[in-house]
N, C-alpha and C. Protein backbone atom coordinates (compact mmCIF):
# COMPACT_ATOMS: atom_id res chain seq x y z
N MET A 1 66.62 119.35 68.47
CA MET A 1 67.22 119.13 66.99
C MET A 1 66.87 117.57 66.61
N GLU A 2 66.67 117.43 65.48
CA GLU A 2 66.27 116.09 65.06
C GLU A 2 67.40 115.19 64.78
N ASP A 3 67.50 113.89 65.18
CA ASP A 3 68.48 113.18 64.81
C ASP A 3 68.21 112.19 63.57
N PHE A 4 69.14 112.19 62.68
CA PHE A 4 69.22 111.38 61.55
C PHE A 4 70.35 110.28 61.48
N THR A 5 70.28 109.32 60.90
CA THR A 5 71.09 108.29 60.73
C THR A 5 71.53 108.04 59.03
N THR A 6 72.51 107.98 58.63
CA THR A 6 72.94 107.80 57.20
C THR A 6 72.53 106.44 57.03
N ILE A 7 71.62 106.04 55.88
CA ILE A 7 71.32 104.73 55.61
C ILE A 7 71.77 104.25 54.23
N PHE A 8 72.54 105.36 53.49
CA PHE A 8 72.85 105.03 52.24
C PHE A 8 74.00 106.37 51.75
N GLU A 9 75.01 106.00 51.24
CA GLU A 9 76.13 107.25 51.08
C GLU A 9 76.78 106.56 49.83
N ILE A 10 76.90 107.35 48.77
CA ILE A 10 77.56 106.96 47.41
C ILE A 10 78.91 106.27 47.83
N ALA A 11 79.01 105.23 46.98
CA ALA A 11 80.42 104.65 47.10
C ALA A 11 81.33 105.12 46.00
N THR A 12 82.64 104.74 46.30
CA THR A 12 83.66 104.97 45.37
C THR A 12 84.21 103.70 44.87
N GLY A 13 84.83 103.78 43.94
CA GLY A 13 85.32 102.50 43.37
C GLY A 13 84.54 101.96 42.19
N TYR A 14 84.81 100.69 41.85
CA TYR A 14 84.41 100.41 40.44
C TYR A 14 82.83 99.72 40.74
N THR A 15 82.11 100.18 39.63
CA THR A 15 80.48 99.89 39.77
C THR A 15 80.28 98.50 38.99
N SER A 16 79.25 97.76 39.22
CA SER A 16 79.01 96.59 38.32
C SER A 16 79.10 97.05 36.83
N ALA A 17 78.66 98.04 36.59
CA ALA A 17 78.61 98.17 35.07
C ALA A 17 80.02 98.51 34.48
N GLN A 18 80.89 98.98 35.39
CA GLN A 18 82.13 99.15 35.05
C GLN A 18 82.95 97.77 35.02
N LEU A 19 82.68 97.16 35.97
CA LEU A 19 83.16 95.72 35.74
C LEU A 19 82.75 94.79 34.74
N ILE A 20 81.45 95.00 34.42
CA ILE A 20 80.84 94.34 33.14
C ILE A 20 81.46 94.98 31.83
N GLY A 21 81.74 96.08 31.77
CA GLY A 21 82.45 96.96 30.78
C GLY A 21 83.73 96.47 30.25
N ILE A 22 84.59 95.95 31.65
CA ILE A 22 85.99 95.48 31.56
C ILE A 22 86.00 94.19 31.02
N SER A 23 85.08 93.34 31.46
CA SER A 23 84.96 92.02 31.29
C SER A 23 84.53 92.05 29.57
N LYS A 24 83.84 92.96 29.09
CA LYS A 24 83.28 93.04 27.90
C LYS A 24 84.73 93.42 26.87
N ILE A 25 85.47 94.27 27.32
CA ILE A 25 86.71 94.38 26.80
C ILE A 25 87.73 93.23 26.67
N VAL A 26 87.83 92.50 27.72
CA VAL A 26 88.75 91.32 27.65
C VAL A 26 88.23 90.36 26.86
N ILE A 27 86.81 90.25 26.59
CA ILE A 27 86.28 89.21 25.71
C ILE A 27 86.37 89.75 24.30
N GLY A 28 86.28 90.94 24.01
CA GLY A 28 86.79 91.47 22.60
C GLY A 28 88.05 91.33 22.26
N ALA A 29 88.99 91.55 23.22
CA ALA A 29 90.37 91.38 23.00
C ALA A 29 91.00 89.99 22.53
N ILE A 30 90.35 89.03 23.38
CA ILE A 30 90.69 87.69 23.08
C ILE A 30 90.21 87.21 21.87
N ILE A 31 89.06 87.75 21.50
CA ILE A 31 88.39 87.33 20.21
C ILE A 31 89.26 88.03 19.11
N LEU A 32 89.83 89.15 19.13
CA LEU A 32 90.56 89.77 18.39
C LEU A 32 91.93 89.21 18.12
N LEU A 33 92.46 88.84 19.42
CA LEU A 33 94.02 88.18 19.21
C LEU A 33 93.70 86.71 18.70
N VAL A 34 92.62 85.93 18.99
CA VAL A 34 92.57 84.70 18.11
C VAL A 34 92.24 85.04 16.63
N GLY A 35 91.75 85.97 16.33
CA GLY A 35 91.45 86.01 14.84
C GLY A 35 92.79 86.66 14.21
N VAL A 36 93.42 87.49 14.72
CA VAL A 36 94.87 87.96 14.31
C VAL A 36 95.81 86.84 14.18
N ALA A 37 95.96 86.09 15.44
CA ALA A 37 96.53 84.92 15.38
C ALA A 37 96.46 83.91 14.31
N GLY A 38 95.22 83.58 13.98
CA GLY A 38 94.71 82.80 13.09
C GLY A 38 95.42 83.08 11.73
N ILE A 39 95.08 84.41 11.28
CA ILE A 39 95.76 85.11 10.31
C ILE A 39 97.25 85.05 9.79
N VAL A 40 97.98 85.34 10.95
CA VAL A 40 99.35 85.45 10.97
C VAL A 40 99.96 83.84 10.87
N ILE A 41 99.11 82.90 11.61
CA ILE A 41 99.68 81.54 11.28
C ILE A 41 99.44 81.08 9.89
N GLN A 42 98.33 81.41 9.10
CA GLN A 42 98.19 81.15 7.93
C GLN A 42 99.12 81.63 6.95
N ILE A 43 99.46 82.86 7.23
CA ILE A 43 100.64 83.50 6.51
C ILE A 43 101.65 82.85 6.63
N ALA A 44 102.26 82.51 7.81
CA ALA A 44 103.81 81.99 8.12
C ALA A 44 103.51 80.46 7.49
N ARG A 45 102.41 79.85 7.54
CA ARG A 45 102.65 78.39 7.04
C ARG A 45 102.34 78.67 5.32
N ARG A 46 101.97 79.46 4.83
CA ARG A 46 101.76 79.83 3.36
C ARG A 46 100.67 78.91 3.10
N ARG A 47 99.84 78.68 3.95
CA ARG A 47 98.36 77.80 3.53
C ARG A 47 97.54 79.19 3.31
N ARG A 48 96.91 78.98 2.23
CA ARG A 48 95.86 80.05 1.54
C ARG A 48 94.65 79.40 1.50
N SER A 49 94.10 78.84 2.45
CA SER A 49 92.70 78.37 2.40
C SER A 49 91.73 79.55 2.81
N PHE A 50 91.00 79.94 1.68
CA PHE A 50 90.27 80.88 1.65
C PHE A 50 89.06 80.90 2.97
N ILE A 51 88.51 79.60 3.06
CA ILE A 51 87.41 79.51 4.20
C ILE A 51 88.17 79.94 5.63
N GLU A 52 89.27 79.34 5.92
CA GLU A 52 90.01 79.65 7.12
C GLU A 52 90.27 81.06 7.31
N PHE A 53 90.74 81.64 6.24
CA PHE A 53 91.13 83.05 6.36
C PHE A 53 89.93 84.05 6.46
N PHE A 54 88.89 83.42 5.65
CA PHE A 54 87.76 84.04 6.16
C PHE A 54 87.04 84.25 7.24
N VAL A 55 87.15 83.01 7.80
CA VAL A 55 86.52 82.96 9.20
C VAL A 55 87.44 83.64 10.19
N GLN A 56 88.95 83.52 10.17
CA GLN A 56 89.73 84.41 10.86
C GLN A 56 89.42 86.10 10.62
N PHE A 57 89.47 86.39 9.48
CA PHE A 57 88.80 87.81 9.12
C PHE A 57 87.46 88.24 9.83
N ILE A 58 86.46 87.35 9.74
CA ILE A 58 85.28 87.69 10.44
C ILE A 58 85.36 87.93 11.90
N LEU A 59 86.33 87.03 12.64
CA LEU A 59 86.60 87.05 13.96
C LEU A 59 87.01 88.49 14.37
N VAL A 60 88.04 89.03 13.43
CA VAL A 60 88.69 89.98 13.67
C VAL A 60 87.62 91.18 13.47
N LEU A 61 86.90 91.15 12.56
CA LEU A 61 85.66 92.06 12.19
C LEU A 61 84.66 92.27 13.52
N ILE A 62 84.35 91.09 13.91
CA ILE A 62 83.57 90.97 15.13
C ILE A 62 84.00 91.43 16.25
N ALA A 63 85.26 91.27 16.47
CA ALA A 63 86.13 91.87 17.55
C ALA A 63 86.11 93.31 17.62
N CYS A 64 86.41 93.79 16.48
CA CYS A 64 86.58 95.37 16.30
C CYS A 64 85.10 95.93 16.54
N PHE A 65 84.09 95.46 16.15
CA PHE A 65 82.76 96.07 16.30
C PHE A 65 82.28 95.88 17.76
N TRP A 66 82.53 94.72 18.20
CA TRP A 66 82.29 94.48 20.00
C TRP A 66 83.05 95.58 20.60
N LEU A 67 84.48 95.71 20.40
CA LEU A 67 85.06 96.83 21.19
C LEU A 67 84.59 98.06 20.93
N TYR A 68 84.54 98.37 19.63
CA TYR A 68 84.24 100.06 19.30
C TYR A 68 82.91 100.31 19.69
N TYR A 69 81.98 99.44 19.47
CA TYR A 69 80.61 99.82 19.46
C TYR A 69 79.83 99.21 21.05
N LEU A 70 80.35 98.29 21.57
CA LEU A 70 79.67 97.94 22.69
C LEU A 70 80.62 98.05 24.09
N ALA A 71 81.85 97.54 24.08
CA ALA A 71 82.70 97.59 25.20
C ALA A 71 83.04 98.68 25.78
N VAL A 72 83.88 99.33 24.91
CA VAL A 72 84.64 100.56 25.29
C VAL A 72 83.71 101.75 25.57
N PRO A 73 82.63 101.94 24.79
CA PRO A 73 81.62 102.91 25.07
C PRO A 73 80.84 102.75 26.49
N SER A 74 80.32 101.60 26.57
CA SER A 74 79.69 101.32 27.82
C SER A 74 80.96 101.60 29.39
N PHE A 75 82.06 101.06 29.28
CA PHE A 75 82.62 100.98 30.34
C PHE A 75 83.05 102.88 30.30
N VAL A 76 83.28 103.47 29.27
CA VAL A 76 83.54 104.69 29.40
C VAL A 76 82.54 105.82 30.15
N ALA A 77 81.03 105.42 29.40
CA ALA A 77 80.16 106.03 29.95
C ALA A 77 79.68 105.90 31.69
N ALA A 78 79.83 104.68 32.00
CA ALA A 78 79.92 104.38 33.44
C ALA A 78 80.95 105.03 34.31
N THR A 79 82.11 104.98 33.65
CA THR A 79 83.20 105.97 34.39
C THR A 79 82.95 107.35 34.64
N LYS A 80 82.61 107.63 33.53
CA LYS A 80 82.64 109.23 33.54
C LYS A 80 81.47 109.65 34.50
N LEU A 81 80.11 108.95 34.47
CA LEU A 81 79.02 109.29 35.23
C LEU A 81 79.47 108.90 36.87
N SER A 82 80.17 107.73 37.08
CA SER A 82 80.46 107.47 38.21
C SER A 82 81.49 108.63 39.03
N ASN A 83 82.51 108.92 38.26
CA ASN A 83 83.45 109.93 38.54
C ASN A 83 82.72 111.26 38.67
N GLU A 84 81.83 111.50 37.74
CA GLU A 84 81.04 113.03 38.03
C GLU A 84 80.12 113.03 39.32
N LEU A 85 79.48 111.98 39.68
CA LEU A 85 78.79 111.81 40.97
C LEU A 85 79.60 111.82 42.07
N ALA A 86 80.87 111.11 42.20
CA ALA A 86 81.46 111.04 43.22
C ALA A 86 82.08 112.31 43.35
N ASN A 87 82.68 113.14 42.48
CA ASN A 87 83.30 114.56 42.44
C ASN A 87 82.15 115.57 43.05
N ALA A 88 80.84 115.42 42.74
CA ALA A 88 79.91 116.30 42.97
C ALA A 88 79.51 116.19 44.52
N TYR A 89 79.78 114.68 44.79
CA TYR A 89 79.45 114.62 46.30
C TYR A 89 80.81 115.18 47.33
N LYS A 90 81.88 114.72 46.59
CA LYS A 90 82.96 115.29 47.63
C LYS A 90 83.13 116.81 47.60
N SER A 91 82.67 117.33 46.52
CA SER A 91 82.94 118.84 46.31
C SER A 91 81.52 119.53 47.23
N ASN A 92 80.66 119.03 47.33
CA ASN A 92 79.47 119.43 47.87
C ASN A 92 78.56 120.20 47.10
N LYS A 93 78.61 119.77 45.90
CA LYS A 93 77.87 120.25 44.68
C LYS A 93 76.61 119.57 44.48
N TYR A 94 76.09 119.07 45.65
CA TYR A 94 74.68 118.59 45.48
C TYR A 94 73.49 119.46 45.97
N LYS A 95 72.25 119.05 46.04
CA LYS A 95 71.23 119.89 46.42
C LYS A 95 70.64 118.78 47.64
N VAL A 96 69.85 119.38 48.55
CA VAL A 96 69.12 118.73 49.60
C VAL A 96 67.81 118.61 49.63
N ALA A 97 67.08 117.49 49.70
CA ALA A 97 65.85 117.71 49.74
C ALA A 97 65.25 116.82 51.07
N GLU A 98 64.45 117.59 51.92
CA GLU A 98 64.10 116.96 53.26
C GLU A 98 62.78 116.88 53.35
N GLY A 99 61.98 115.75 53.89
CA GLY A 99 60.73 115.74 54.08
C GLY A 99 60.22 114.25 54.23
N TYR A 100 58.76 114.26 53.84
CA TYR A 100 58.18 112.77 54.08
C TYR A 100 58.20 112.41 52.68
N VAL A 101 58.42 111.06 52.56
CA VAL A 101 58.57 110.51 51.31
C VAL A 101 56.94 110.05 50.85
N HIS A 102 56.70 110.41 49.62
CA HIS A 102 55.34 110.22 48.89
C HIS A 102 55.57 109.30 47.54
N VAL A 103 55.11 107.99 47.60
CA VAL A 103 55.46 107.08 46.63
C VAL A 103 54.37 107.38 45.45
N LEU A 104 54.79 107.68 44.28
CA LEU A 104 53.76 107.67 43.24
C LEU A 104 53.61 106.44 42.35
N HIS A 105 54.61 105.68 42.27
CA HIS A 105 54.76 104.48 41.68
C HIS A 105 55.89 103.50 42.32
N LYS A 106 55.62 102.17 42.39
CA LYS A 106 56.11 101.20 42.69
C LYS A 106 56.75 100.27 41.59
N GLN A 107 57.92 100.08 41.36
CA GLN A 107 58.44 99.18 40.04
C GLN A 107 58.10 97.83 40.81
N PRO A 108 57.66 97.03 39.97
CA PRO A 108 57.51 95.54 40.57
C PRO A 108 58.94 94.84 40.58
N LYS A 109 59.05 93.77 41.41
CA LYS A 109 60.31 93.07 41.39
C LYS A 109 60.81 92.40 40.38
N THR A 110 59.86 92.21 39.36
CA THR A 110 60.31 91.57 38.01
C THR A 110 60.81 92.65 36.85
N GLY A 111 60.55 93.95 37.30
CA GLY A 111 60.94 94.99 36.51
C GLY A 111 59.99 95.25 35.43
N HIS A 112 60.19 95.34 34.19
CA HIS A 112 59.23 95.62 33.07
C HIS A 112 58.39 96.83 33.13
N SER A 113 58.77 97.75 33.90
CA SER A 113 58.00 99.02 34.16
C SER A 113 59.25 100.05 34.66
N LYS A 114 58.51 101.19 34.82
CA LYS A 114 59.56 102.21 35.07
C LYS A 114 59.94 101.97 36.53
N GLY A 115 60.83 102.75 37.10
CA GLY A 115 61.22 102.48 38.59
C GLY A 115 60.21 103.06 39.42
N ASP A 116 60.70 103.01 40.72
CA ASP A 116 59.74 103.62 41.65
C ASP A 116 60.01 105.18 41.47
N ILE A 117 58.79 105.82 41.60
CA ILE A 117 58.45 107.24 41.51
C ILE A 117 58.39 107.68 42.94
N VAL A 118 59.31 108.56 43.42
CA VAL A 118 59.03 109.10 44.74
C VAL A 118 58.98 110.73 44.83
N VAL A 119 58.51 111.25 45.74
CA VAL A 119 58.58 112.63 45.90
C VAL A 119 59.01 113.05 47.19
N VAL A 120 59.98 113.82 47.49
CA VAL A 120 60.47 114.35 48.61
C VAL A 120 60.76 115.92 48.55
N ASP A 121 59.99 116.60 49.40
CA ASP A 121 60.02 118.12 49.36
C ASP A 121 59.86 118.57 48.28
N GLY A 122 58.89 118.25 47.22
CA GLY A 122 58.46 118.54 45.92
C GLY A 122 59.46 118.01 44.96
N VAL A 123 60.33 117.46 45.04
CA VAL A 123 61.62 116.82 44.23
C VAL A 123 61.16 115.56 43.97
N GLU A 124 60.96 115.17 42.57
CA GLU A 124 60.41 113.76 42.22
C GLU A 124 61.81 113.05 41.80
N PHE A 125 62.00 111.87 42.17
CA PHE A 125 62.95 111.01 41.70
C PHE A 125 62.40 109.57 41.26
N GLU A 126 63.31 109.21 40.17
CA GLU A 126 63.02 107.80 39.88
C GLU A 126 64.10 106.91 40.27
N ILE A 127 63.71 105.72 41.19
CA ILE A 127 64.75 104.72 41.68
C ILE A 127 64.39 103.62 40.67
N ASP A 128 65.46 103.29 39.76
CA ASP A 128 65.28 102.07 38.78
C ASP A 128 66.55 101.09 39.25
N TYR A 129 65.93 99.80 39.77
CA TYR A 129 66.71 98.77 40.17
C TYR A 129 67.75 98.12 39.11
N PHE A 130 66.97 98.26 37.83
CA PHE A 130 67.72 97.38 36.69
C PHE A 130 68.60 98.14 35.79
N SER A 131 68.54 99.69 35.93
CA SER A 131 69.10 100.39 34.84
C SER A 131 70.16 101.22 35.39
N SER A 132 70.55 101.10 36.62
CA SER A 132 71.58 102.00 37.13
C SER A 132 72.99 101.57 36.51
N ILE A 133 73.89 102.68 36.04
CA ILE A 133 75.07 102.35 35.75
C ILE A 133 75.97 102.83 36.82
N ASP A 134 75.59 103.44 37.67
CA ASP A 134 76.65 104.27 38.58
C ASP A 134 76.50 103.61 39.94
N GLN A 135 76.94 104.31 40.91
CA GLN A 135 76.71 103.77 42.10
C GLN A 135 75.83 104.73 42.94
N SER A 136 74.91 105.52 42.39
CA SER A 136 73.87 106.26 43.13
C SER A 136 72.77 105.07 43.62
N TYR A 137 71.95 105.83 44.48
CA TYR A 137 70.96 104.88 45.14
C TYR A 137 70.10 104.30 43.87
N ASN A 138 69.86 102.98 44.14
CA ASN A 138 69.05 102.21 43.06
C ASN A 138 68.15 101.24 43.52
N THR A 139 68.06 101.01 45.10
CA THR A 139 67.50 100.00 45.49
C THR A 139 65.85 100.49 45.90
N THR A 140 64.92 99.83 44.80
CA THR A 140 63.64 99.98 44.95
C THR A 140 62.98 99.42 46.31
N ILE A 141 61.63 99.83 46.57
CA ILE A 141 60.87 99.24 47.49
C ILE A 141 60.80 97.74 47.47
N ALA A 142 60.60 96.98 46.36
CA ALA A 142 60.39 95.88 45.87
C ALA A 142 61.66 95.20 46.43
N TYR A 143 62.76 95.65 46.61
CA TYR A 143 64.01 95.01 46.91
C TYR A 143 64.49 95.50 48.18
N GLY A 144 63.66 96.00 48.98
CA GLY A 144 64.03 96.61 50.50
C GLY A 144 64.31 97.74 50.65
N GLY A 145 64.31 98.53 49.51
CA GLY A 145 64.61 99.96 49.67
C GLY A 145 64.09 100.99 50.62
N ALA A 146 64.78 101.99 50.97
CA ALA A 146 64.41 102.80 52.18
C ALA A 146 63.48 103.74 51.93
N LEU A 147 63.29 104.13 50.80
CA LEU A 147 62.24 105.48 50.40
C LEU A 147 60.82 104.77 50.17
N LYS A 148 60.23 104.57 51.48
CA LYS A 148 58.93 103.95 51.53
C LYS A 148 57.90 104.98 52.05
N GLU A 149 56.97 105.01 51.47
CA GLU A 149 55.81 106.07 51.92
C GLU A 149 55.95 106.25 53.40
N GLY A 150 55.88 107.62 53.61
CA GLY A 150 55.66 108.15 54.96
C GLY A 150 57.05 108.23 55.66
N GLU A 151 57.93 107.77 55.13
CA GLU A 151 59.40 108.07 56.00
C GLU A 151 59.88 109.29 55.86
N TYR A 152 60.28 109.93 56.82
CA TYR A 152 61.05 111.17 56.83
C TYR A 152 62.56 111.09 56.66
N VAL A 153 63.02 111.75 55.58
CA VAL A 153 64.16 111.59 54.99
C VAL A 153 64.93 113.08 54.47
N ARG A 154 66.13 112.96 54.54
CA ARG A 154 67.01 113.95 53.79
C ARG A 154 67.86 113.28 53.02
N LEU A 155 67.54 113.83 51.77
CA LEU A 155 68.07 113.29 50.34
C LEU A 155 69.28 114.37 49.86
N PHE A 156 70.42 113.87 49.48
CA PHE A 156 71.53 114.58 49.07
C PHE A 156 71.55 114.22 47.56
N TYR A 157 71.09 115.10 46.56
CA TYR A 157 70.96 114.58 45.39
C TYR A 157 71.90 115.37 44.14
N TYR A 158 72.32 114.94 43.30
CA TYR A 158 73.03 115.68 42.07
C TYR A 158 72.18 115.25 40.89
N HIS A 159 71.76 116.49 40.59
CA HIS A 159 70.72 116.25 38.97
C HIS A 159 69.45 115.36 39.50
N ASP A 160 69.34 114.27 38.87
CA ASP A 160 68.43 113.26 39.33
C ASP A 160 68.87 111.97 40.18
N LYS A 161 70.17 111.98 40.46
CA LYS A 161 70.72 111.09 41.19
C LYS A 161 70.97 111.08 42.71
N ILE A 162 70.49 110.21 43.46
CA ILE A 162 70.67 110.21 44.94
C ILE A 162 71.92 109.76 45.48
N LEU A 163 72.55 110.70 46.21
CA LEU A 163 74.03 110.44 46.60
C LEU A 163 74.19 109.82 47.94
N ARG A 164 73.18 110.39 49.00
CA ARG A 164 73.05 109.97 50.07
C ARG A 164 71.58 110.17 50.66
N ILE A 165 71.42 109.29 51.78
CA ILE A 165 70.11 109.38 52.32
C ILE A 165 70.24 109.32 53.77
N ASP A 166 69.62 110.30 54.29
CA ASP A 166 69.82 110.06 55.83
C ASP A 166 68.07 110.10 56.45
N LYS A 167 68.02 109.14 57.37
CA LYS A 167 66.80 108.64 57.73
C LYS A 167 66.48 109.38 59.24
N ARG A 168 65.24 110.04 59.62
CA ARG A 168 65.16 110.38 60.86
C ARG A 168 64.81 109.30 61.76
N LEU A 169 65.47 109.29 62.99
CA LEU A 169 65.29 108.20 63.89
C LEU A 169 63.95 108.52 64.55
């Protein structure tokens, strides 16, 4: 019987993309509150400075745009994908590829290229260090990743996302 050790397993909890999404929501909310507060203060003081009102109105518009088009959608997308992957792993809805790693392409440490392209047991995976919004495996060879040429591994994956890596001892 072959011995394997688990070197990566999908994590639960917040991902960096979700935390960035939360910070974008907080920034948008602060801008919105500043804009609305400025308008309310102008109305309460009965000052009708068009320039000040216009600036406050623009702040409210920017905050609404920021929240509606940038902050909330990125948070929702990251959360949805992370939950889907975690649920697939917990309920054993993944597939398994086992064999030697063959590297077709290595992503440079600086990025500006597609991710590492590796093949295991005839299944191709792209591991991109710079564009992962979930907690699936994304450590490329340039950053010390485990999927190097010739390694014998067992990959647990869901669609094209690697959920767990077992390496043969």
